[in-house]
Amino acid sequence: MSPVLAIGLAIAAAVVFGIASVADQRSTKRVKRRGPLSPRIFLDLMRQPLWLASIGGTLFGFALQVLALRFGPLALVEPLLVCGLIFAVLINAYLRGVWDSILIGGVIATVVGVAGFLAIARPTNGQGTVAFHVVLPLAAVLAAAVVGCLVVARRSDSLRPLALALACGINYGVAAFLVKLIVSDVSGGLVGLLTDWPIYALAVVGPLGFLLNENAFQQGTLIAPVLAIITVCDPLISIALAALWLNEKLNSSAAGIAGEIIFLAVMTMGIVVTAHRAPHVAPPTKQPRAAPPTTQPRTLRLPPHRQETVGHAGFEWSDRAAPRPAEPDLAA
């Protein structure tokens, strides 16, 4: 019963995250652009009611995600949250009235990739605790990756959105891993929670990932690759951490590993296509009205049976229904 409940909660979280993502992306484009990791962006966003609504949705989605991780494996829940991108782009497509077959193909590929991976891997719960010294090498590697992304973001304007998105995806994957550690064993109550290391690590990684997310979406117009990188990195890192540090069991046969890799690749391709073809969050650009002609047409007064209309680009001829003058009666 727990895996079924975890699946339902994860899908519900994906729906809420999708709605909140649309509101978040729209609001970040309405404020002044800030530098990487600038906390002043929050002061700007707090004046946006749409952003405040997106925060409420994000918190609700996070609560559903925590419940899903309480009842299901990390390698099961995080791939399902990829559906948040699907819901977000479908909502955007509906709001803008923009649909195309490639977008639908990307959505289908994403769903097939997630479903295929979960059907083959069949992840099961592993251990719920990890000693702090065991994860120190992991922490060093991930910290170095994030710092490297921030260095690239500061040195290259063109790569800044992609580097920030990669750093954000890393933080989101690690945050999910930490949440899983926190909710796996709640027998110690509040005292046990506050005396263990994961809660303090989450207090750093979670807000940092959120700040990177806001900055990544605000930099330039590269919304599609930013969405793709964040969405892909989160489940891939979560699956790797679940298998290596939580001992969650996946299908380890040769055919199983090959199938898992193939379907993860299909999922990644679907995410990239979906993000690229998605109708982006900016409202449709209004086409400028055509400028009136600089020279007004002039009508030449000609005999009543015929007129010429002279314009700035040439001549137009038009026949008016004017009677010709009567011919004289020669017989008279």
C-alpha atoms as a PDB file:
ATOM      1  CA  MET A   1       0.000   0.000   0.000  1.00  0.00           C
ATOM      2  CA  SER A   2       2.856   2.415   0.785  1.00  0.00           C
ATOM      3  CA  PRO A   3       4.295   2.460  -2.785  1.00  0.00           C
ATOM      4  CA  VAL A   4       0.826   3.142  -4.236  1.00  0.00           C
ATOM      5  CA  LEU A   5       0.316   5.974  -1.742  1.00  0.00           C
ATOM      6  CA  ALA A   6       3.771   7.331  -2.527  1.00  0.00           C
ATOM      7  CA  ILE A   7       2.988   7.322  -6.258  1.00  0.00           C
ATOM      8  CA  GLY A   8      -0.297   9.178  -5.721  1.00  0.00           C
ATOM      9  CA  LEU A   9       1.332  11.768  -3.472  1.00  0.00           C
ATOM     10  CA  ALA A  10       4.230  12.255  -5.898  1.00  0.00           C
ATOM     11  CA  ILE A  11       1.903  12.835  -8.859  1.00  0.00           C
ATOM     12  CA  ALA A  12      -0.174  15.279  -6.801  1.00  0.00           C
ATOM     13  CA  ALA A  13       3.038  17.092  -5.856  1.00  0.00           C
ATOM     14  CA  ALA A  14       4.003  17.241  -9.543  1.00  0.00           C
ATOM     15  CA  VAL A  15       0.672  18.872 -10.416  1.00  0.00           C
ATOM     16  CA  VAL A  16       1.113  21.516  -7.712  1.00  0.00           C
ATOM     17  CA  PHE A  17       4.753  22.112  -8.687  1.00  0.00           C
ATOM     18  CA  GLY A  18       3.709  22.559 -12.313  1.00  0.00           C
ATOM     19  CA  ILE A  19       1.161  25.224 -11.440  1.00  0.00           C
ATOM     20  CA  ALA A  20       3.587  26.979  -9.098  1.00  0.00           C
ATOM     21  CA  SER A  21       6.323  26.836 -11.741  1.00  0.00           C
ATOM     22  CA  VAL A  22       4.181  28.722 -14.255  1.00  0.00           C
ATOM     23  CA  ALA A  23       3.445  31.442 -11.705  1.00  0.00           C
ATOM     24  CA  ASP A  24       7.088  31.580 -10.586  1.00  0.00           C
ATOM     25  CA  GLN A  25       8.530  31.915 -14.082  1.00  0.00           C
ATOM     26  CA  ARG A  26       6.069  34.631 -15.029  1.00  0.00           C
ATOM     27  CA  SER A  27       6.825  36.644 -11.901  1.00  0.00           C
ATOM     28  CA  THR A  28      10.642  36.473 -12.215  1.00  0.00           C
ATOM     29  CA  LYS A  29      10.373  38.137 -15.627  1.00  0.00           C
ATOM     30  CA  ARG A  30       8.532  41.109 -14.135  1.00  0.00           C
ATOM     31  CA  VAL A  31      11.319  42.308 -11.838  1.00  0.00           C
ATOM     32  CA  LYS A  32      14.743  43.810 -12.340  1.00  0.00           C
ATOM     33  CA  ARG A  33      17.480  41.393 -13.306  1.00  0.00           C
ATOM     34  CA  ARG A  34      19.995  40.720 -10.546  1.00  0.00           C
ATOM     35  CA  GLY A  35      23.418  39.092 -10.464  1.00  0.00           C
ATOM     36  CA  PRO A  36      23.972  35.423  -9.563  1.00  0.00           C
ATOM     37  CA  LEU A  37      23.093  34.602  -5.923  1.00  0.00           C
ATOM     38  CA  SER A  38      21.876  38.145  -5.292  1.00  0.00           C
ATOM     39  CA  PRO A  39      19.307  37.948  -2.459  1.00  0.00           C
ATOM     40  CA  ARG A  40      17.859  41.302  -3.558  1.00  0.00           C
ATOM     41  CA  ILE A  41      15.791  39.421  -6.099  1.00  0.00           C
ATOM     42  CA  PHE A  42      13.582  38.248  -3.220  1.00  0.00           C
ATOM     43  CA  LEU A  43      12.887  41.838  -2.181  1.00  0.00           C
ATOM     44  CA  ASP A  44      11.767  42.547  -5.732  1.00  0.00           C
ATOM     45  CA  LEU A  45       9.683  39.400  -5.983  1.00  0.00           C
ATOM     46  CA  MET A  46       7.926  39.965  -2.677  1.00  0.00           C
ATOM     47  CA  ARG A  47       6.106  42.859  -4.342  1.00  0.00           C
ATOM     48  CA  GLN A  48       4.667  40.460  -6.907  1.00  0.00           C
ATOM     49  CA  PRO A  49       1.375  38.841  -5.766  1.00  0.00           C
ATOM     50  CA  LEU A  50       1.813  36.144  -8.415  1.00  0.00           C
ATOM     51  CA  TRP A  51       5.175  35.188  -6.920  1.00  0.00           C
ATOM     52  CA  LEU A  52       3.715  35.009  -3.417  1.00  0.00           C
ATOM     53  CA  ALA A  53       1.033  32.670  -4.757  1.00  0.00           C
ATOM     54  CA  SER A  54       3.726  30.532  -6.383  1.00  0.00           C
ATOM     55  CA  ILE A  55       5.546  30.297  -3.037  1.00  0.00           C
ATOM     56  CA  GLY A  56       2.392  29.014  -1.379  1.00  0.00           C
ATOM     57  CA  GLY A  57       2.015  26.423  -4.126  1.00  0.00           C
ATOM     58  CA  THR A  58       5.665  25.410  -3.849  1.00  0.00           C
ATOM     59  CA  LEU A  59       5.373  24.894  -0.081  1.00  0.00           C
ATOM     60  CA  PHE A  60       2.235  22.799  -0.539  1.00  0.00           C
ATOM     61  CA  GLY A  61       3.939  20.745  -3.250  1.00  0.00           C
ATOM     62  CA  PHE A  62       6.969  20.286  -1.026  1.00  0.00           C
ATOM     63  CA  ALA A  63       4.732  19.001   1.778  1.00  0.00           C
ATOM     64  CA  LEU A  64       3.263  16.439  -0.623  1.00  0.00           C
ATOM     65  CA  GLN A  65       6.776  15.482  -1.724  1.00  0.00           C
ATOM     66  CA  VAL A  66       7.848  14.950   1.889  1.00  0.00           C
ATOM     67  CA  LEU A  67       4.864  12.674   2.482  1.00  0.00           C
ATOM     68  CA  ALA A  68       5.650  10.755  -0.692  1.00  0.00           C
ATOM     69  CA  LEU A  69       9.254  10.255   0.443  1.00  0.00           C
ATOM     70  CA  ARG A  70       7.969   9.105   3.816  1.00  0.00           C
ATOM     71  CA  PHE A  71       6.106   6.218   2.191  1.00  0.00           C
ATOM     72  CA  GLY A  72       8.193   5.452  -0.884  1.00  0.00           C
ATOM     73  CA  PRO A  73      11.807   5.095  -2.087  1.00  0.00           C
ATOM     74  CA  LEU A  74      13.730   8.147  -3.259  1.00  0.00           C
ATOM     75  CA  ALA A  75      14.357   6.484  -6.636  1.00  0.00           C
ATOM     76  CA  LEU A  76      10.587   6.084  -7.061  1.00  0.00           C
ATOM     77  CA  VAL A  77       9.366   9.510  -5.977  1.00  0.00           C
ATOM     78  CA  GLU A  78      11.864  11.854  -7.676  1.00  0.00           C
ATOM     79  CA  PRO A  79      11.413  10.549 -11.249  1.00  0.00           C
ATOM     80  CA  LEU A  80       7.650  11.010 -10.861  1.00  0.00           C
ATOM     81  CA  LEU A  81       8.194  14.658  -9.962  1.00  0.00           C
ATOM     82  CA  VAL A  82       9.484  15.142 -13.513  1.00  0.00           C
ATOM     83  CA  CYS A  83       5.799  15.261 -14.425  1.00  0.00           C
ATOM     84  CA  GLY A  84       5.788  18.744 -12.900  1.00  0.00           C
ATOM     85  CA  LEU A  85       7.417  19.992 -16.120  1.00  0.00           C
ATOM     86  CA  ILE A  86       4.748  18.253 -18.177  1.00  0.00           C
ATOM     87  CA  PHE A  87       1.939  19.892 -16.237  1.00  0.00           C
ATOM     88  CA  ALA A  88       3.689  23.273 -16.435  1.00  0.00           C
ATOM     89  CA  VAL A  89       4.097  23.223 -20.217  1.00  0.00           C
ATOM     90  CA  LEU A  90       0.577  21.925 -20.778  1.00  0.00           C
ATOM     91  CA  ILE A  91      -0.796  24.743 -18.628  1.00  0.00           C
ATOM     92  CA  ASN A  92       1.303  27.259 -20.568  1.00  0.00           C
ATOM     93  CA  ALA A  93       0.159  25.780 -23.864  1.00  0.00           C
ATOM     94  CA  TYR A  94      -3.468  26.051 -22.776  1.00  0.00           C
ATOM     95  CA  LEU A  95      -3.077  29.648 -21.593  1.00  0.00           C
ATOM     96  CA  ARG A  96      -1.426  30.706 -24.833  1.00  0.00           C
ATOM     97  CA  GLY A  97      -3.411  28.467 -27.141  1.00  0.00           C
ATOM     98  CA  VAL A  98      -0.180  27.153 -28.702  1.00  0.00           C
ATOM     99  CA  TRP A  99       0.045  23.429 -29.462  1.00  0.00           C
ATOM    100  CA  ASP A 100       2.170  21.396 -31.821  1.00  0.00           C
ATOM    101  CA  SER A 101       2.858  17.750 -32.486  1.00  0.00           C
ATOM    102  CA  ILE A 102       6.508  17.945 -31.417  1.00  0.00           C
ATOM    103  CA  LEU A 103       5.512  19.277 -27.998  1.00  0.00           C
ATOM    104  CA  ILE A 104       3.043  16.424 -27.553  1.00  0.00           C
ATOM    105  CA  GLY A 105       5.734  13.981 -28.701  1.00  0.00           C
ATOM    106  CA  GLY A 106       8.120  15.319 -26.066  1.00  0.00           C
ATOM    107  CA  VAL A 107       5.480  14.931 -23.359  1.00  0.00           C
ATOM    108  CA  ILE A 108       4.782  11.344 -24.440  1.00  0.00           C
ATOM    109  CA  ALA A 109       8.505  10.514 -24.527  1.00  0.00           C
ATOM    110  CA  THR A 110       8.950  11.897 -21.008  1.00  0.00           C
ATOM    111  CA  VAL A 111       6.049   9.851 -19.652  1.00  0.00           C
ATOM    112  CA  VAL A 112       7.258   6.693 -21.426  1.00  0.00           C
ATOM    113  CA  GLY A 113      10.780   7.212 -20.094  1.00  0.00           C
ATOM    114  CA  VAL A 114       9.656   7.646 -16.486  1.00  0.00           C
ATOM    115  CA  ALA A 115       7.167   4.774 -16.629  1.00  0.00           C
ATOM    116  CA  GLY A 116       9.638   2.467 -18.365  1.00  0.00           C
ATOM    117  CA  PHE A 117      12.397   3.179 -15.855  1.00  0.00           C
ATOM    118  CA  LEU A 118      10.145   2.568 -12.859  1.00  0.00           C
ATOM    119  CA  ALA A 119       8.672  -0.591 -14.397  1.00  0.00           C
ATOM    120  CA  ILE A 120      12.132  -2.078 -14.947  1.00  0.00           C
ATOM    121  CA  ALA A 121      13.967  -0.725 -11.878  1.00  0.00           C
ATOM    122  CA  ARG A 122      11.205  -1.421  -9.317  1.00  0.00           C
ATOM    123  CA  PRO A 123      13.040   0.538  -6.601  1.00  0.00           C
ATOM    124  CA  THR A 124      12.614  -0.590  -3.012  1.00  0.00           C
ATOM    125  CA  ASN A 125      13.300   1.203   0.261  1.00  0.00           C
ATOM    126  CA  GLY A 126      16.822   0.996   1.633  1.00  0.00           C
ATOM    127  CA  GLN A 127      18.400   2.269   4.831  1.00  0.00           C
ATOM    128  CA  GLY A 128      17.148   5.415   6.501  1.00  0.00           C
ATOM    129  CA  THR A 129      20.323   6.679   8.160  1.00  0.00           C
ATOM    130  CA  VAL A 130      23.759   7.626   6.898  1.00  0.00           C
ATOM    131  CA  ALA A 131      26.648   8.671   9.141  1.00  0.00           C
ATOM    132  CA  PHE A 132      28.001  12.160   8.615  1.00  0.00           C
ATOM    133  CA  HIS A 133      31.555  10.996   7.912  1.00  0.00           C
ATOM    134  CA  VAL A 134      30.244   8.657   5.226  1.00  0.00           C
ATOM    135  CA  VAL A 135      28.772  11.511   3.175  1.00  0.00           C
ATOM    136  CA  LEU A 136      31.730  13.882   3.584  1.00  0.00           C
ATOM    137  CA  PRO A 137      33.315  12.800   0.253  1.00  0.00           C
ATOM    138  CA  LEU A 138      29.919  13.257  -1.408  1.00  0.00           C
ATOM    139  CA  ALA A 139      29.541  16.700   0.147  1.00  0.00           C
ATOM    140  CA  ALA A 140      32.999  17.737  -1.079  1.00  0.00           C
ATOM    141  CA  VAL A 141      32.314  16.625  -4.657  1.00  0.00           C
ATOM    142  CA  LEU A 142      28.901  18.291  -4.837  1.00  0.00           C
ATOM    143  CA  ALA A 143      30.182  21.497  -3.243  1.00  0.00           C
ATOM    144  CA  ALA A 144      33.008  21.642  -5.774  1.00  0.00           C
ATOM    145  CA  ALA A 145      30.503  21.136  -8.624  1.00  0.00           C
ATOM    146  CA  VAL A 146      28.277  23.958  -7.375  1.00  0.00           C
ATOM    147  CA  VAL A 147      31.219  26.320  -6.882  1.00  0.00           C
ATOM    148  CA  GLY A 148      32.455  25.497 -10.379  1.00  0.00           C
ATOM    149  CA  CYS A 149      29.036  26.349 -11.809  1.00  0.00           C
ATOM    150  CA  LEU A 150      29.020  29.676  -9.972  1.00  0.00           C
ATOM    151  CA  VAL A 151      32.481  30.530 -11.308  1.00  0.00           C
ATOM    152  CA  VAL A 152      31.298  29.848 -14.847  1.00  0.00           C
ATOM    153  CA  ALA A 153      28.150  31.915 -14.222  1.00  0.00           C
ATOM    154  CA  ARG A 154      30.187  34.923 -13.120  1.00  0.00           C
ATOM    155  CA  ARG A 155      32.674  34.726 -15.981  1.00  0.00           C
ATOM    156  CA  SER A 156      30.376  34.025 -18.910  1.00  0.00           C
ATOM    157  CA  ASP A 157      27.146  35.869 -19.623  1.00  0.00           C
ATOM    158  CA  SER A 158      26.149  33.403 -22.332  1.00  0.00           C
ATOM    159  CA  LEU A 159      26.631  30.334 -20.105  1.00  0.00           C
ATOM    160  CA  ARG A 160      25.267  31.919 -16.927  1.00  0.00           C
ATOM    161  CA  PRO A 161      21.691  30.570 -17.160  1.00  0.00           C
ATOM    162  CA  LEU A 162      22.934  27.041 -17.917  1.00  0.00           C
ATOM    163  CA  ALA A 163      25.523  27.058 -15.138  1.00  0.00           C
ATOM    164  CA  LEU A 164      23.000  28.340 -12.596  1.00  0.00           C
ATOM    165  CA  ALA A 165      20.493  25.715 -13.744  1.00  0.00           C
ATOM    166  CA  LEU A 166      23.049  22.930 -13.299  1.00  0.00           C
ATOM    167  CA  ALA A 167      23.925  24.150  -9.810  1.00  0.00           C
ATOM    168  CA  CYS A 168      20.217  24.352  -8.997  1.00  0.00           C
ATOM    169  CA  GLY A 169      19.589  20.800 -10.226  1.00  0.00           C
ATOM    170  CA  ILE A 170      22.447  19.484  -8.098  1.00  0.00           C
ATOM    171  CA  ASN A 171      21.072  21.206  -5.012  1.00  0.00           C
ATOM    172  CA  TYR A 172      17.556  19.912  -5.660  1.00  0.00           C
ATOM    173  CA  GLY A 173      18.794  16.332  -5.995  1.00  0.00           C
ATOM    174  CA  VAL A 174      20.802  16.577  -2.776  1.00  0.00           C
ATOM    175  CA  ALA A 175      17.866  18.255  -0.993  1.00  0.00           C
ATOM    176  CA  ALA A 176      15.594  15.320  -1.905  1.00  0.00           C
ATOM    177  CA  PHE A 177      18.239  12.927  -0.551  1.00  0.00           C
ATOM    178  CA  LEU A 178      18.371  14.867   2.723  1.00  0.00           C
ATOM    179  CA  VAL A 179      14.577  14.955   3.026  1.00  0.00           C
ATOM    180  CA  LYS A 180      14.489  11.199   2.595  1.00  0.00           C
ATOM    181  CA  LEU A 181      16.996  10.817   5.454  1.00  0.00           C
ATOM    182  CA  ILE A 182      14.936  13.121   7.677  1.00  0.00           C
ATOM    183  CA  VAL A 183      11.563  11.431   7.143  1.00  0.00           C
ATOM    184  CA  SER A 184      12.782   7.825   7.088  1.00  0.00           C
ATOM    185  CA  ASP A 185      13.011   7.632  10.863  1.00  0.00           C
ATOM    186  CA  VAL A 186      10.860   9.972  12.928  1.00  0.00           C
ATOM    187  CA  SER A 187      10.834   7.848  16.067  1.00  0.00           C
ATOM    188  CA  GLY A 188      13.133  10.277  17.871  1.00  0.00           C
ATOM    189  CA  GLY A 189      10.644  13.124  17.546  1.00  0.00           C
ATOM    190  CA  LEU A 190      11.727  16.736  17.484  1.00  0.00           C
ATOM    191  CA  VAL A 191      14.760  16.077  19.677  1.00  0.00           C
ATOM    192  CA  GLY A 192      16.013  13.385  17.313  1.00  0.00           C
ATOM    193  CA  LEU A 193      15.402  15.648  14.350  1.00  0.00           C
ATOM    194  CA  LEU A 194      17.391  18.538  15.813  1.00  0.00           C
ATOM    195  CA  THR A 195      20.287  16.381  16.966  1.00  0.00           C
ATOM    196  CA  ASP A 196      20.942  14.782  13.574  1.00  0.00           C
ATOM    197  CA  TRP A 197      22.938  16.375  10.772  1.00  0.00           C
ATOM    198  CA  PRO A 198      20.564  16.112   7.745  1.00  0.00           C
ATOM    199  CA  ILE A 199      18.217  18.884   8.951  1.00  0.00           C
ATOM    200  CA  TYR A 200      21.079  21.375   9.137  1.00  0.00           C
ATOM    201  CA  ALA A 201      22.432  20.356   5.750  1.00  0.00           C
ATOM    202  CA  LEU A 202      18.940  20.785   4.285  1.00  0.00           C
ATOM    203  CA  ALA A 203      18.722  24.263   5.840  1.00  0.00           C
ATOM    204  CA  VAL A 204      21.690  25.223   3.627  1.00  0.00           C
ATOM    205  CA  VAL A 205      21.072  23.208   0.466  1.00  0.00           C
ATOM    206  CA  GLY A 206      17.334  23.886   0.176  1.00  0.00           C
ATOM    207  CA  PRO A 207      17.376  27.713   0.245  1.00  0.00           C
ATOM    208  CA  LEU A 208      20.509  27.757  -1.917  1.00  0.00           C
ATOM    209  CA  GLY A 209      18.789  25.654  -4.569  1.00  0.00           C
ATOM    210  CA  PHE A 210      15.731  27.905  -4.465  1.00  0.00           C
ATOM    211  CA  LEU A 211      17.862  31.032  -4.851  1.00  0.00           C
ATOM    212  CA  LEU A 212      19.690  29.462  -7.796  1.00  0.00           C
ATOM    213  CA  ASN A 213      16.348  28.550  -9.336  1.00  0.00           C
ATOM    214  CA  GLU A 214      15.117  32.162  -9.229  1.00  0.00           C
ATOM    215  CA  ASN A 215      18.367  33.497 -10.659  1.00  0.00           C
ATOM    216  CA  ALA A 216      18.520  30.861 -13.396  1.00  0.00           C
ATOM    217  CA  PHE A 217      15.028  31.678 -14.663  1.00  0.00           C
ATOM    218  CA  GLN A 218      15.731  35.408 -14.635  1.00  0.00           C
ATOM    219  CA  GLN A 219      18.969  35.370 -16.618  1.00  0.00           C
ATOM    220  CA  GLY A 220      18.377  36.054 -20.299  1.00  0.00           C
ATOM    221  CA  THR A 221      15.751  34.204 -22.324  1.00  0.00           C
ATOM    222  CA  LEU A 222      17.124  30.649 -22.187  1.00  0.00           C
ATOM    223  CA  ILE A 223      14.101  29.273 -20.381  1.00  0.00           C
ATOM    224  CA  ALA A 224      13.996  25.989 -22.325  1.00  0.00           C
ATOM    225  CA  PRO A 225      17.505  24.693 -21.490  1.00  0.00           C
ATOM    226  CA  VAL A 226      17.206  25.993 -17.923  1.00  0.00           C
ATOM    227  CA  LEU A 227      14.022  23.983 -17.430  1.00  0.00           C
ATOM    228  CA  ALA A 228      15.566  20.925 -19.052  1.00  0.00           C
ATOM    229  CA  ILE A 229      18.763  20.973 -16.986  1.00  0.00           C
ATOM    230  CA  ILE A 230      17.012  21.437 -13.657  1.00  0.00           C
ATOM    231  CA  THR A 231      14.375  18.827 -14.441  1.00  0.00           C
ATOM    232  CA  VAL A 232      16.886  16.215 -15.615  1.00  0.00           C
ATOM    233  CA  CYS A 233      19.513  16.730 -12.891  1.00  0.00           C
ATOM    234  CA  ASP A 234      17.114  16.360  -9.969  1.00  0.00           C
ATOM    235  CA  PRO A 235      15.971  12.747 -10.609  1.00  0.00           C
ATOM    236  CA  LEU A 236      19.313  11.538 -11.968  1.00  0.00           C
ATOM    237  CA  ILE A 237      21.230  12.733  -8.916  1.00  0.00           C
ATOM    238  CA  SER A 238      18.509  11.437  -6.589  1.00  0.00           C
ATOM    239  CA  ILE A 239      18.620   7.979  -8.197  1.00  0.00           C
ATOM    240  CA  ALA A 240      22.424   7.865  -7.938  1.00  0.00           C
ATOM    241  CA  LEU A 241      22.392   8.925  -4.277  1.00  0.00           C
ATOM    242  CA  ALA A 242      19.609   6.459  -3.473  1.00  0.00           C
ATOM    243  CA  ALA A 243      21.541   3.571  -4.983  1.00  0.00           C
ATOM    244  CA  LEU A 244      24.978   4.482  -3.608  1.00  0.00           C
ATOM    245  CA  TRP A 245      24.226   5.848  -0.131  1.00  0.00           C
ATOM    246  CA  LEU A 246      20.752   4.603   0.797  1.00  0.00           C
ATOM    247  CA  ASN A 247      21.161   1.107  -0.657  1.00  0.00           C
ATOM    248  CA  GLU A 248      17.817   1.295  -2.418  1.00  0.00           C
ATOM    249  CA  LYS A 249      17.620  -1.776  -4.611  1.00  0.00           C
ATOM    250  CA  LEU A 250      17.128  -1.414  -8.348  1.00  0.00           C
ATOM    251  CA  ASN A 251      17.114  -4.089 -11.025  1.00  0.00           C
ATOM    252  CA  SER A 252      20.806  -4.997 -11.188  1.00  0.00           C
ATOM    253  CA  SER A 253      20.716  -7.596 -13.952  1.00  0.00           C
ATOM    254  CA  ALA A 254      22.512  -6.775 -17.210  1.00  0.00           C
ATOM    255  CA  ALA A 255      19.225  -6.485 -19.099  1.00  0.00           C
ATOM    256  CA  GLY A 256      17.718  -4.449 -16.267  1.00  0.00           C
ATOM    257  CA  ILE A 257      20.599  -1.969 -16.148  1.00  0.00           C
ATOM    258  CA  ALA A 258      20.500  -1.587 -19.933  1.00  0.00           C
ATOM    259  CA  GLY A 259      16.742  -0.995 -19.854  1.00  0.00           C
ATOM    260  CA  GLU A 260      17.049   1.544 -17.047  1.00  0.00           C
ATOM    261  CA  ILE A 261      19.699   3.497 -18.961  1.00  0.00           C
ATOM    262  CA  ILE A 262      17.651   3.420 -22.169  1.00  0.00           C
ATOM    263  CA  PHE A 263      14.477   4.667 -20.515  1.00  0.00           C
ATOM    264  CA  LEU A 264      16.338   7.351 -18.571  1.00  0.00           C
ATOM    265  CA  ALA A 265      17.778   8.487 -21.907  1.00  0.00           C
ATOM    266  CA  VAL A 266      14.257   8.532 -23.389  1.00  0.00           C
ATOM    267  CA  MET A 267      13.078  10.550 -20.386  1.00  0.00           C
ATOM    268  CA  THR A 268      15.952  13.011 -20.837  1.00  0.00           C
ATOM    269  CA  MET A 269      15.253  13.392 -24.547  1.00  0.00           C
ATOM    270  CA  GLY A 270      11.571  13.944 -23.827  1.00  0.00           C
ATOM    271  CA  ILE A 271      12.357  16.603 -21.224  1.00  0.00           C
ATOM    272  CA  VAL A 272      14.695  18.434 -23.605  1.00  0.00           C
ATOM    273  CA  VAL A 273      12.153  18.388 -26.440  1.00  0.00           C
ATOM    274  CA  THR A 274       9.286  19.386 -24.151  1.00  0.00           C
ATOM    275  CA  ALA A 275      11.217  22.278 -22.640  1.00  0.00           C
ATOM    276  CA  HIS A 276      12.425  23.451 -26.043  1.00  0.00           C
ATOM    277  CA  ARG A 277       9.031  23.331 -27.744  1.00  0.00           C
ATOM    278  CA  ALA A 278       7.012  24.574 -24.789  1.00  0.00           C
ATOM    279  CA  PRO A 279       5.222  27.897 -25.266  1.00  0.00           C
ATOM    280  CA  HIS A 280       7.364  30.030 -23.019  1.00  0.00           C
ATOM    281  CA  VAL A 281       6.136  31.976 -20.074  1.00  0.00           C
ATOM    282  CA  ALA A 282       6.283  35.474 -21.577  1.00  0.00           C
ATOM    283  CA  PRO A 283       2.961  36.657 -22.958  1.00  0.00           C
ATOM    284  CA  PRO A 284       2.631  36.678 -26.748  1.00  0.00           C
ATOM    285  CA  THR A 285       4.389  39.612 -28.332  1.00  0.00           C
ATOM    286  CA  LYS A 286       1.992  42.047 -29.911  1.00  0.00           C
ATOM    287  CA  GLN A 287       2.745  42.701 -33.536  1.00  0.00           C
ATOM    288  CA  PRO A 288       3.343  46.391 -34.271  1.00  0.00           C
ATOM    289  CA  ARG A 289       0.706  48.042 -36.366  1.00  0.00           C
ATOM    290  CA  ALA A 290       1.663  48.766 -39.946  1.00  0.00           C
ATOM    291  CA  ALA A 291       2.618  52.371 -40.496  1.00  0.00           C
ATOM    292  CA  PRO A 292       0.198  54.319 -42.690  1.00  0.00           C
ATOM    293  CA  PRO A 293       1.433  55.165 -46.182  1.00  0.00           C
ATOM    294  CA  THR A 294       3.453  58.325 -46.298  1.00  0.00           C
ATOM    295  CA  THR A 295       1.680  59.552 -49.420  1.00  0.00           C
ATOM    296  CA  GLN A 296      -2.073  59.522 -49.684  1.00  0.00           C
ATOM    297  CA  PRO A 297      -3.515  58.424 -53.040  1.00  0.00           C
ATOM    298  CA  ARG A 298      -4.563  61.266 -55.283  1.00  0.00           C
ATOM    299  CA  THR A 299      -7.548  61.015 -57.579  1.00  0.00           C
ATOM    300  CA  LEU A 300      -7.185  62.638 -60.966  1.00  0.00           C
ATOM    301  CA  ARG A 301     -10.275  64.200 -62.461  1.00  0.00           C
ATOM    302  CA  LEU A 302     -10.778  62.539 -65.828  1.00  0.00           C
ATOM    303  CA  PRO A 303     -13.743  62.263 -68.141  1.00  0.00           C
ATOM    304  CA  PRO A 304     -16.755  60.772 -66.385  1.00  0.00           C
ATOM    305  CA  HIS A 305     -16.508  57.418 -68.121  1.00  0.00           C
ATOM    306  CA  ARG A 306     -13.016  56.714 -66.711  1.00  0.00           C
ATOM    307  CA  GLN A 307     -10.804  57.567 -63.754  1.00  0.00           C
ATOM    308  CA  GLU A 308      -7.206  56.926 -62.762  1.00  0.00           C
ATOM    309  CA  THR A 309      -6.140  56.532 -59.177  1.00  0.00           C
ATOM    310  CA  VAL A 310      -2.512  57.483 -58.612  1.00  0.00           C
ATOM    311  CA  GLY A 311      -0.726  56.163 -55.534  1.00  0.00           C
ATOM    312  CA  HIS A 312       2.777  56.349 -54.135  1.00  0.00           C
ATOM    313  CA  ALA A 313       3.632  52.915 -55.518  1.00  0.00           C
ATOM    314  CA  GLY A 314       2.142  53.204 -59.025  1.00  0.00           C
ATOM    315  CA  PHE A 315      -1.130  53.428 -60.819  1.00  0.00           C
ATOM    316  CA  GLU A 316      -4.408  51.716 -60.202  1.00  0.00           C
ATOM    317  CA  TRP A 317      -7.159  51.824 -62.749  1.00  0.00           C
ATOM    318  CA  SER A 318     -10.819  51.675 -61.900  1.00  0.00           C
ATOM    319  CA  ASP A 319     -13.915  51.974 -64.021  1.00  0.00           C
ATOM    320  CA  ARG A 320     -16.835  53.868 -62.574  1.00  0.00           C
ATOM    321  CA  ALA A 321     -20.377  53.132 -63.596  1.00  0.00           C
ATOM    322  CA  ALA A 322     -20.749  56.518 -65.274  1.00  0.00           C
ATOM    323  CA  PRO A 323     -22.771  56.706 -68.537  1.00  0.00           C
ATOM    324  CA  ARG A 324     -20.984  57.751 -71.650  1.00  0.00           C
ATOM    325  CA  PRO A 325     -22.340  60.874 -73.339  1.00  0.00           C
ATOM    326  CA  ALA A 326     -25.048  60.121 -75.900  1.00  0.00           C
ATOM    327  CA  GLU A 327     -23.881  59.941 -79.496  1.00  0.00           C
ATOM    328  CA  PRO A 328     -25.493  62.544 -81.765  1.00  0.00           C
ATOM    329  CA  ASP A 329     -28.323  61.287 -83.935  1.00  0.00           C
ATOM    330  CA  LEU A 330     -26.857  61.635 -87.427  1.00  0.00           C
ATOM    331  CA  ALA A 331     -30.145  60.760 -89.010  1.00  0.00           C
ATOM    332  CA  ALA A 332     -31.589  63.942 -87.693  1.00  0.00           C
END
